[in-house]
Amino acid sequence: MNVPINVYKGPGRSASYSRSPSPPPGVMMRLSGGMYSLVEALSSQIPKGCIHLESEVIGISYKSGGVGEAGETEGGEDDDDSTREKDSGDPLPHVVVRIRRTESKEKGGDDGLEAEGKEHGVSGEGGTTKVLTKEIDASHVIVAVPPRLLVKDILTFNPKLPKETMDGFRRIPTWMAPHGKMVAVYQNAFWRKKGLSGSGGSRAGPLSEIHDASPMEGRPALFGFLALNPQQRASKGTNEIISNAKQQLSRMFGEEAQNPESLFYVDWAQEKHTAGDEDVKFGFTGGHPDYEGIPRDAAGLWDGHLDFAGTELSEHHGGFLEGALCAAEAAVHRFLGKATSN
């Protein structure tokens, strides 16, 4: 299906699923500059040094002793940045978060991470790599990754989370994790000159759903979701999929679609920090999952010092951006409620 239009007035609001209370029912809004503009706006409000780029959390531990016990690297040196003392009285329970970044020796960093052990390894032409780690003390931790990744052991918990908690996480699908997406960027929006909207559905190619993804300013683009499941994508390979997708776009929108200025392809099933093993194994769910919030067995762990957020753990709009906002707000309310009660 290819939808012709009489007049193209530029990208803007388009009718979609009803959402309430804001924006009005039947209206969906796109952010100028894309979602990265939202990331930039939020990160600009966070103090420097609080965000560790190109880093991953590799462990979270609960300590019944006082804040100030953590902050020691593998080499045994104290990390003053992560050591805090309670003013008086008995030590407070706290959580220790261990983060890691692997980088080339020449790159270096200025975010306070310390070298873990000795430098090791060789990467490409480039020489030696090193592993940098840091331990950070916190009174509470909110984990905001898809629940199935916690089952995948991308990080360790000490003490381990209960089996009932992990079983509950395993049953929660990661929205869109089995899917793939392609974006083709062009010098001009040739499809509009032909009276075409840029939206279409197809069963004659790797792309099942195509939309005009052009920004308000900048190069126009078409994007599409892949109809192939994770196993089919792995079997065909990226080059074959891209080649077939460009042919499909040219059949739908004209020969110009065969030669994009640039092209971006993402297979979320191959993303370490997106897809869990069950997401890849079971593939498409056949509909939007019924997300119900945090499983009962995951609530109040570590005397309330460990909590979970993320869109898959939202009671409302699970899987969507709104769900992520709802889950974050709920987690903060729980934290503030515990802080007030203490």
Protein backbone atom coordinates (compact mmCIF):
# COMPACT_ATOMS: atom_id res chain seq x y z
CA MET A 1 0.00 0.00 0.00
CA ASN A 2 1.31 3.45 -0.98
CA VAL A 3 -0.75 6.46 0.06
CA PRO A 4 -0.95 9.40 -2.41
CA ILE A 5 -1.69 12.92 -1.20
CA ASN A 6 -2.75 16.10 -3.01
CA VAL A 7 -0.73 18.66 -1.07
CA TYR A 8 2.24 18.17 1.22
CA LYS A 9 2.45 20.82 3.95
CA GLY A 10 5.62 19.63 5.66
CA PRO A 11 6.15 17.41 8.69
CA GLY A 12 4.13 18.16 11.79
CA ARG A 13 1.33 16.68 13.84
CA SER A 14 -0.31 13.58 12.50
CA ALA A 15 -3.33 11.61 13.68
CA SER A 16 -2.36 8.52 15.65
CA TYR A 17 -3.32 6.60 18.77
CA SER A 18 -5.44 8.41 21.28
CA ARG A 19 -3.45 9.64 24.27
CA SER A 20 -4.66 11.48 27.35
CA PRO A 21 -4.71 13.78 29.22
CA SER A 22 -2.16 15.58 27.03
CA PRO A 23 -1.88 16.06 24.08
CA PRO A 24 -5.52 15.98 22.94
CA PRO A 25 -6.96 12.61 21.87
CA GLY A 26 -6.03 11.61 18.35
CA VAL A 27 -2.89 13.75 18.20
CA MET A 28 0.74 12.64 18.40
CA MET A 29 3.59 15.13 18.49
CA ARG A 30 7.18 14.85 17.24
CA LEU A 31 10.08 16.62 18.91
CA SER A 32 11.98 19.13 16.83
CA GLY A 33 15.53 17.82 16.56
CA GLY A 34 14.46 14.28 17.41
CA MET A 35 14.70 12.44 20.72
CA TYR A 36 18.38 13.31 21.07
CA SER A 37 17.34 16.92 21.67
CA LEU A 38 15.44 15.68 24.74
CA VAL A 39 18.52 13.79 25.95
CA GLU A 40 20.66 16.91 25.52
CA ALA A 41 18.15 19.09 27.36
CA LEU A 42 17.93 16.72 30.33
CA SER A 43 21.67 16.07 30.54
CA SER A 44 22.39 19.81 30.55
CA GLN A 45 20.61 20.02 33.92
CA ILE A 46 22.78 17.33 35.53
CA PRO A 47 26.04 18.40 37.24
CA LYS A 48 29.26 17.62 35.40
CA GLY A 49 30.84 14.34 36.44
CA CYS A 50 27.54 12.61 37.22
CA ILE A 51 27.23 11.05 33.76
CA HIS A 52 29.81 8.44 32.71
CA LEU A 53 29.77 8.03 28.94
CA GLU A 54 30.83 4.81 27.20
CA SER A 55 30.65 3.06 30.57
CA GLU A 56 28.62 0.21 31.98
CA VAL A 57 27.52 -0.84 35.43
CA ILE A 58 29.03 -4.25 36.15
CA GLY A 59 28.01 -4.78 39.77
CA ILE A 60 25.73 -3.50 42.55
CA SER A 61 26.28 -4.51 46.17
CA TYR A 62 24.31 -3.86 49.32
CA LYS A 63 26.33 -2.99 52.42
CA SER A 64 24.84 -3.02 55.89
CA GLY A 65 27.83 -1.01 57.15
CA GLY A 66 28.44 2.69 56.80
CA VAL A 67 28.87 4.83 53.75
CA GLY A 68 32.61 5.23 53.29
CA GLU A 69 33.49 1.54 53.19
CA ALA A 70 33.53 1.55 49.36
CA GLY A 71 35.68 3.41 46.88
CA GLU A 72 38.67 1.07 46.79
CA THR A 73 39.95 0.02 43.39
CA GLU A 74 41.36 -3.40 42.62
CA GLY A 75 44.83 -1.96 43.19
CA GLY A 76 43.89 -1.09 46.78
CA GLU A 77 43.99 2.71 46.60
CA ASP A 78 41.27 4.78 48.20
CA ASP A 79 38.95 6.71 45.90
CA ASP A 80 38.26 9.99 47.68
CA ASP A 81 35.49 10.97 45.25
CA SER A 82 33.29 8.05 46.25
CA THR A 83 33.96 8.02 50.00
CA ARG A 84 31.55 9.70 52.34
CA GLU A 85 31.17 9.48 56.11
CA LYS A 86 28.08 9.74 58.18
CA ASP A 87 28.25 12.77 60.48
CA SER A 88 27.47 10.86 63.64
CA GLY A 89 25.86 7.72 65.06
CA ASP A 90 25.83 4.20 63.69
CA PRO A 91 26.86 3.45 60.09
CA LEU A 92 24.07 3.67 57.52
CA PRO A 93 23.20 0.86 55.11
CA HIS A 94 24.12 1.79 51.55
CA VAL A 95 24.62 0.51 48.01
CA VAL A 96 27.92 0.33 46.10
CA VAL A 97 27.78 0.67 42.31
CA ARG A 98 30.77 -0.51 40.27
CA ILE A 99 31.19 0.94 36.77
CA ARG A 100 33.67 0.05 34.04
CA ARG A 101 34.95 1.53 30.81
CA THR A 102 37.38 -0.04 28.34
CA GLU A 103 39.36 2.39 26.21
CA SER A 104 42.55 2.78 24.24
CA LYS A 105 45.65 3.86 26.15
CA GLU A 106 45.94 7.02 24.09
CA LYS A 107 42.35 8.15 24.67
CA GLY A 108 42.41 8.75 28.39
CA GLY A 109 39.52 10.24 30.32
CA ASP A 110 38.63 12.96 32.77
CA ASP A 111 35.64 11.51 34.60
CA GLY A 112 37.46 10.23 37.67
CA LEU A 113 37.63 6.53 36.74
CA GLU A 114 40.69 4.75 38.04
CA ALA A 115 42.77 2.10 36.26
CA GLU A 116 41.85 -1.43 37.32
CA GLY A 117 44.90 -3.65 37.62
CA LYS A 118 47.37 -3.45 34.78
CA GLU A 119 46.89 -2.39 31.20
CA HIS A 120 46.23 -5.28 28.87
CA GLY A 121 45.23 -6.33 25.40
CA VAL A 122 45.78 -5.00 21.89
CA SER A 123 43.06 -3.40 19.76
CA GLY A 124 43.40 -3.13 15.96
CA GLU A 125 46.33 -0.96 14.86
CA GLY A 126 46.05 0.92 17.92
CA GLY A 127 47.85 -0.38 20.71
CA THR A 128 47.16 -1.09 24.28
CA THR A 129 43.76 -0.91 25.91
CA LYS A 130 43.04 -0.45 29.58
CA VAL A 131 40.08 -1.15 31.83
CA LEU A 132 38.96 1.71 34.05
CA THR A 133 36.69 1.15 37.04
CA LYS A 134 35.20 3.11 39.87
CA GLU A 135 33.01 2.32 42.87
CA ILE A 136 30.35 4.84 43.82
CA ASP A 137 28.48 4.89 47.13
CA ALA A 138 24.77 5.70 47.15
CA SER A 139 21.98 5.54 49.69
CA HIS A 140 19.63 4.07 47.05
CA VAL A 141 19.91 2.75 43.49
CA ILE A 142 17.24 2.73 40.78
CA VAL A 143 17.99 0.27 37.97
CA ALA A 144 16.41 1.44 34.70
CA VAL A 145 17.33 -1.26 32.18
CA PRO A 146 14.94 -3.80 30.61
CA PRO A 147 14.17 -6.52 33.20
CA ARG A 148 15.25 -9.38 30.94
CA LEU A 149 18.77 -7.94 30.81
CA LEU A 150 19.07 -8.51 34.55
CA VAL A 151 18.37 -12.18 33.93
CA LYS A 152 21.03 -12.11 31.20
CA ASP A 153 23.64 -11.22 33.85
CA ILE A 154 24.92 -8.03 32.27
CA LEU A 155 25.67 -7.01 35.86
CA THR A 156 25.99 -8.83 39.18
CA PHE A 157 24.04 -8.28 42.38
CA ASN A 158 25.49 -8.97 45.81
CA PRO A 159 23.56 -10.44 47.51
CA LYS A 160 21.92 -12.19 44.56
CA LEU A 161 18.34 -11.31 43.76
CA PRO A 162 15.76 -13.92 44.78
CA LYS A 163 14.86 -16.57 42.21
CA GLU A 164 11.23 -15.41 42.30
CA THR A 165 12.35 -11.91 41.33
CA MET A 166 14.44 -13.15 38.41
CA ASP A 167 11.61 -15.40 37.21
CA GLY A 168 9.30 -12.39 37.22
CA PHE A 169 11.79 -10.34 35.20
CA ARG A 170 12.21 -13.17 32.70
CA ARG A 171 8.49 -13.06 31.89
CA ILE A 172 8.53 -9.35 30.94
CA PRO A 173 9.20 -8.82 27.20
CA THR A 174 11.45 -5.95 26.15
CA TRP A 175 9.36 -3.84 23.83
CA MET A 176 10.81 -3.69 20.28
CA ALA A 177 13.87 -5.76 21.25
CA PRO A 178 13.20 -8.46 18.60
CA HIS A 179 12.83 -5.84 15.87
CA GLY A 180 15.10 -4.04 13.43
CA LYS A 181 14.90 -0.65 11.77
CA MET A 182 16.41 1.09 8.76
CA VAL A 183 16.66 4.80 7.94
CA ALA A 184 17.58 6.07 4.46
CA VAL A 185 18.61 9.74 4.16
CA TYR A 186 18.29 11.61 0.84
CA GLN A 187 19.30 14.96 -0.63
CA ASN A 188 15.68 15.86 -1.35
CA ALA A 189 12.21 14.50 -0.64
CA PHE A 190 11.55 13.25 -4.17
CA TRP A 191 8.50 11.27 -3.07
CA ARG A 192 6.65 14.45 -2.11
CA LYS A 193 7.07 15.85 -5.62
CA LYS A 194 5.20 12.77 -6.81
CA GLY A 195 2.35 13.40 -4.38
CA LEU A 196 3.36 10.56 -2.07
CA SER A 197 3.26 10.83 1.70
CA GLY A 198 6.26 8.61 2.38
CA SER A 199 4.09 6.23 4.39
CA GLY A 200 3.40 2.72 3.23
CA GLY A 201 2.93 -0.91 4.11
CA SER A 202 4.38 -3.81 2.17
CA ARG A 203 4.70 -7.58 2.15
CA ALA A 204 7.03 -7.62 -0.85
CA GLY A 205 10.36 -6.94 0.82
CA PRO A 206 12.16 -6.81 4.15
CA LEU A 207 10.39 -3.60 5.27
CA SER A 208 6.83 -4.02 6.51
CA GLU A 209 6.05 -0.46 7.62
CA ILE A 210 7.56 2.70 6.12
CA HIS A 211 7.20 6.33 7.20
CA ASP A 212 8.53 9.76 6.30
CA ALA A 213 11.07 10.51 9.04
CA SER A 214 12.14 13.91 7.76
CA PRO A 215 13.07 16.51 10.39
CA MET A 216 11.79 20.07 10.31
CA GLU A 217 15.27 21.10 9.14
CA GLY A 218 17.95 19.00 7.50
CA ARG A 219 17.99 16.09 5.10
CA PRO A 220 14.70 14.26 4.38
CA ALA A 221 14.54 10.57 5.23
CA LEU A 222 12.45 7.43 5.01
CA PHE A 223 12.50 4.81 7.74
CA GLY A 224 11.08 1.34 7.93
CA PHE A 225 10.58 -1.47 10.42
CA LEU A 226 11.84 -4.87 9.31
CA ALA A 227 9.36 -7.71 8.88
CA LEU A 228 12.07 -10.32 9.40
CA ASN A 229 12.42 -11.92 12.82
CA PRO A 230 15.84 -12.08 14.58
CA GLN A 231 16.69 -15.52 13.20
CA GLN A 232 15.80 -14.51 9.63
CA ARG A 233 17.89 -11.34 9.88
CA ALA A 234 20.86 -13.28 11.19
CA SER A 235 20.53 -15.81 8.37
CA LYS A 236 20.30 -13.27 5.54
CA GLY A 237 22.93 -10.87 6.84
CA THR A 238 23.01 -7.07 6.88
CA ASN A 239 24.23 -6.53 3.30
CA GLU A 240 21.48 -8.63 1.72
CA ILE A 241 18.78 -7.00 3.85
CA ILE A 242 19.93 -3.48 2.97
CA SER A 243 20.17 -4.29 -0.73
CA ASN A 244 16.66 -5.76 -0.79
CA ALA A 245 15.28 -2.86 1.24
CA LYS A 246 16.64 -0.26 -1.20
CA GLN A 247 15.06 -2.16 -4.09
CA GLN A 248 11.79 -2.26 -2.19
CA LEU A 249 11.85 1.50 -1.55
CA SER A 250 12.59 2.18 -5.20
CA ARG A 251 9.56 0.11 -6.24
CA MET A 252 7.36 2.05 -3.85
CA PHE A 253 8.65 5.61 -4.17
CA GLY A 254 10.74 5.74 -7.35
CA GLU A 255 14.22 4.96 -8.60
CA GLU A 256 15.74 7.77 -6.54
CA ALA A 257 15.17 5.69 -3.41
CA GLN A 258 17.79 3.21 -4.61
CA ASN A 259 20.60 5.68 -3.88
CA PRO A 260 20.34 7.25 -0.42
CA GLU A 261 22.93 9.78 0.68
CA SER A 262 23.43 7.73 3.84
CA LEU A 263 21.79 4.72 5.41
CA PHE A 264 21.49 3.48 8.99
CA TYR A 265 20.56 -0.06 9.98
CA VAL A 266 19.98 -1.27 13.53
CA ASP A 267 19.14 -4.79 14.68
CA TRP A 268 17.97 -4.37 18.26
CA ALA A 269 18.13 -8.13 18.83
CA GLN A 270 21.91 -7.84 18.50
CA GLU A 271 22.21 -4.96 20.97
CA LYS A 272 23.81 -6.19 24.20
CA HIS A 273 22.03 -3.61 26.34
CA THR A 274 18.63 -3.94 24.65
CA ALA A 275 17.62 -7.55 24.02
CA GLY A 276 17.40 -10.39 26.50
CA ASP A 277 17.87 -14.02 25.50
CA GLU A 278 14.11 -14.63 25.61
CA ASP A 279 13.47 -11.60 23.37
CA VAL A 280 15.67 -13.12 20.66
CA LYS A 281 14.40 -16.67 21.14
CA PHE A 282 10.68 -15.92 21.05
CA GLY A 283 10.84 -12.98 18.63
CA PHE A 284 7.71 -10.97 17.91
CA THR A 285 4.98 -11.20 20.53
CA GLY A 286 2.10 -10.74 18.08
CA GLY A 287 0.87 -7.61 19.83
CA HIS A 288 1.71 -5.09 22.48
CA PRO A 289 2.60 -6.79 25.79
CA ASP A 290 0.38 -6.23 28.81
CA TYR A 291 2.79 -4.46 31.16
CA GLU A 292 1.63 -4.39 34.78
CA GLY A 293 4.36 -2.56 36.69
CA ILE A 294 7.00 -3.96 39.01
CA PRO A 295 6.49 -7.63 39.93
CA ARG A 296 5.55 -8.14 43.55
CA ASP A 297 8.74 -10.12 44.22
CA ALA A 298 10.89 -7.20 43.00
CA ALA A 299 9.45 -4.61 45.37
CA GLY A 300 11.30 -3.43 48.48
CA LEU A 301 14.51 -5.40 47.93
CA TRP A 302 17.55 -4.72 50.11
CA ASP A 303 15.34 -2.99 52.72
CA GLY A 304 14.11 -0.62 50.02
CA HIS A 305 17.59 0.51 48.93
CA LEU A 306 17.23 -1.17 45.51
CA ASP A 307 14.44 -0.19 43.13
CA PHE A 308 13.61 -0.63 39.45
CA ALA A 309 12.24 1.63 36.74
CA GLY A 310 12.15 1.60 32.94
CA THR A 311 9.23 1.57 30.57
CA GLU A 312 8.61 -2.20 30.80
CA LEU A 313 7.98 -1.77 34.54
CA SER A 314 5.39 0.97 34.19
CA GLU A 315 1.74 0.44 35.05
CA HIS A 316 0.78 2.88 32.28
CA HIS A 317 1.97 3.18 28.65
CA GLY A 318 4.44 0.32 29.15
CA GLY A 319 6.98 0.06 26.33
CA PHE A 320 6.57 3.68 25.22
CA LEU A 321 8.37 6.90 26.15
CA GLU A 322 5.42 7.82 28.35
CA GLY A 323 5.88 4.55 30.19
CA ALA A 324 9.51 5.39 30.94
CA LEU A 325 8.43 8.73 32.39
CA CYS A 326 5.70 7.11 34.49
CA ALA A 327 8.06 4.43 35.82
CA ALA A 328 10.73 7.01 36.70
CA GLU A 329 8.21 9.21 38.48
CA ALA A 330 6.86 6.24 40.46
CA ALA A 331 10.38 5.18 41.50
CA VAL A 332 11.23 8.70 42.68
CA HIS A 333 8.01 8.86 44.70
CA ARG A 334 8.90 5.56 46.38
CA PHE A 335 12.37 6.88 47.20
CA LEU A 336 11.03 10.15 48.58
CA GLY A 337 8.47 8.26 50.64
CA LYS A 338 11.19 6.08 52.18
CA ALA A 339 13.43 9.08 52.81
CA THR A 340 10.58 10.87 54.57
CA SER A 341 9.73 7.85 56.68
CA ASN A 342 13.37 7.59 57.80
